[in-house]
Amino acid sequence: MVLNKIVRAFLRIIYLVLFIIVIYQIAKVIVGGTWETENILIADMGIIVAGMFVIAGFLINQSRTLGILEERTKNIGNSLSHLGQDFKNHLSSRK
């Protein structure tokens, strides 16, 4: 679990550094800088693809959490069903 957090933090840092570099290069182009328009567009596409990987990881984590929650809800439903059956049996034995 710790390795997972380290990898996520590392990928976020790389993503932020890439984002800052592209913003810097865009600012340089506006002022009269160095990069060609094609290079900026390619870098932007790289940022978008990296963002998609971040979103996909988030969605995978959410689906796993939802699966755990669904399993817990099912277990609670079974427990309540058994409790109701026990209560019925108890009431029928008291008559």
Protein backbone atom coordinates (compact mmCIF):
# COMPACT_ATOMS: atom_id res chain seq x y z
CA MET A 1 0.00 0.00 0.00
CA VAL A 2 2.88 2.36 0.76
CA LEU A 3 4.43 1.64 -2.63
CA ASN A 4 1.13 2.55 -4.29
CA LYS A 5 1.11 5.94 -2.53
CA ILE A 6 4.74 6.57 -3.47
CA VAL A 7 4.09 5.77 -7.13
CA ARG A 8 1.02 8.02 -7.17
CA ALA A 9 2.93 10.90 -5.60
CA PHE A 10 5.79 10.43 -8.07
CA LEU A 11 3.42 10.44 -11.06
CA ARG A 12 1.67 13.55 -9.76
CA ILE A 13 5.01 15.33 -9.41
CA ILE A 14 5.99 14.37 -12.97
CA TYR A 15 2.59 15.55 -14.22
CA LEU A 16 2.94 18.90 -12.45
CA VAL A 17 6.50 19.42 -13.71
CA LEU A 18 5.38 18.68 -17.27
CA PHE A 19 2.45 21.06 -16.86
CA ILE A 20 4.69 23.85 -15.53
CA ILE A 21 7.18 23.37 -18.38
CA VAL A 22 4.44 23.62 -20.99
CA ILE A 23 2.95 26.73 -19.34
CA TYR A 24 6.44 28.29 -19.28
CA GLN A 25 6.99 27.51 -22.96
CA ILE A 26 3.58 28.93 -23.88
CA ALA A 27 4.46 32.12 -22.01
CA LYS A 28 7.80 32.26 -23.90
CA VAL A 29 6.00 31.88 -27.24
CA ILE A 30 3.62 34.69 -26.36
CA VAL A 31 6.55 36.93 -25.50
CA GLY A 32 8.49 35.84 -28.60
CA GLY A 33 10.04 32.62 -27.45
CA THR A 34 11.40 29.33 -28.58
CA TRP A 35 8.90 26.55 -29.18
CA GLU A 36 7.02 26.00 -32.40
CA THR A 37 3.24 25.71 -32.29
CA GLU A 38 3.38 22.00 -33.18
CA ASN A 39 5.62 21.25 -30.21
CA ILE A 40 3.27 23.06 -27.85
CA LEU A 41 0.30 21.11 -29.23
CA ILE A 42 2.15 17.82 -28.84
CA ALA A 43 3.07 18.69 -25.25
CA ASP A 44 -0.55 19.63 -24.54
CA MET A 45 -1.69 16.27 -25.92
CA GLY A 46 0.81 14.61 -23.58
CA ILE A 47 -0.69 16.46 -20.64
CA ILE A 48 -4.18 15.41 -21.69
CA VAL A 49 -3.13 11.75 -22.00
CA ALA A 50 -1.41 11.89 -18.59
CA GLY A 51 -4.59 13.40 -17.15
CA MET A 52 -6.60 10.53 -18.60
CA PHE A 53 -4.35 8.04 -16.82
CA VAL A 54 -4.86 9.92 -13.56
CA ILE A 55 -8.64 9.90 -14.07
CA ALA A 56 -8.61 6.19 -14.98
CA GLY A 57 -6.70 5.39 -11.78
CA PHE A 58 -9.19 7.42 -9.78
CA LEU A 59 -12.13 5.61 -11.38
CA ILE A 60 -10.57 2.19 -10.73
CA ASN A 61 -10.14 3.13 -7.07
CA GLN A 62 -13.74 4.38 -6.89
CA SER A 63 -15.09 1.16 -8.42
CA ARG A 64 -13.13 -0.94 -5.93
CA THR A 65 -14.47 1.17 -3.05
CA LEU A 66 -18.01 0.88 -4.40
CA GLY A 67 -17.63 -2.91 -4.67
CA ILE A 68 -16.55 -3.11 -1.03
CA LEU A 69 -19.49 -0.92 -0.02
CA GLU A 70 -21.92 -3.06 -2.03
CA GLU A 71 -20.60 -6.23 -0.37
CA ARG A 72 -21.00 -4.68 3.09
CA THR A 73 -24.54 -3.59 2.23
CA LYS A 74 -25.39 -7.10 1.06
CA ASN A 75 -24.02 -8.55 4.30
CA ILE A 76 -26.09 -6.10 6.36
CA GLY A 77 -29.19 -7.07 4.35
CA ASN A 78 -28.56 -10.77 5.03
CA SER A 79 -28.02 -10.06 8.73
CA LEU A 80 -31.27 -8.11 8.97
CA SER A 81 -33.11 -10.89 7.14
CA HIS A 82 -31.79 -13.48 9.59
CA LEU A 83 -32.65 -11.22 12.52
CA GLY A 84 -36.22 -10.87 11.25
CA GLN A 85 -36.50 -14.64 10.83
CA ASP A 86 -35.20 -15.21 14.37
CA PHE A 87 -37.67 -12.66 15.71
CA LYS A 88 -40.52 -14.41 13.88
CA ASN A 89 -39.47 -17.78 15.28
CA HIS A 90 -39.24 -16.32 18.77
CA LEU A 91 -42.73 -14.80 18.55
CA SER A 92 -44.26 -17.99 17.16
CA SER A 93 -42.71 -20.07 19.97
CA ARG A 94 -44.22 -17.79 22.64
CA LYS A 95 -47.82 -18.38 21.53
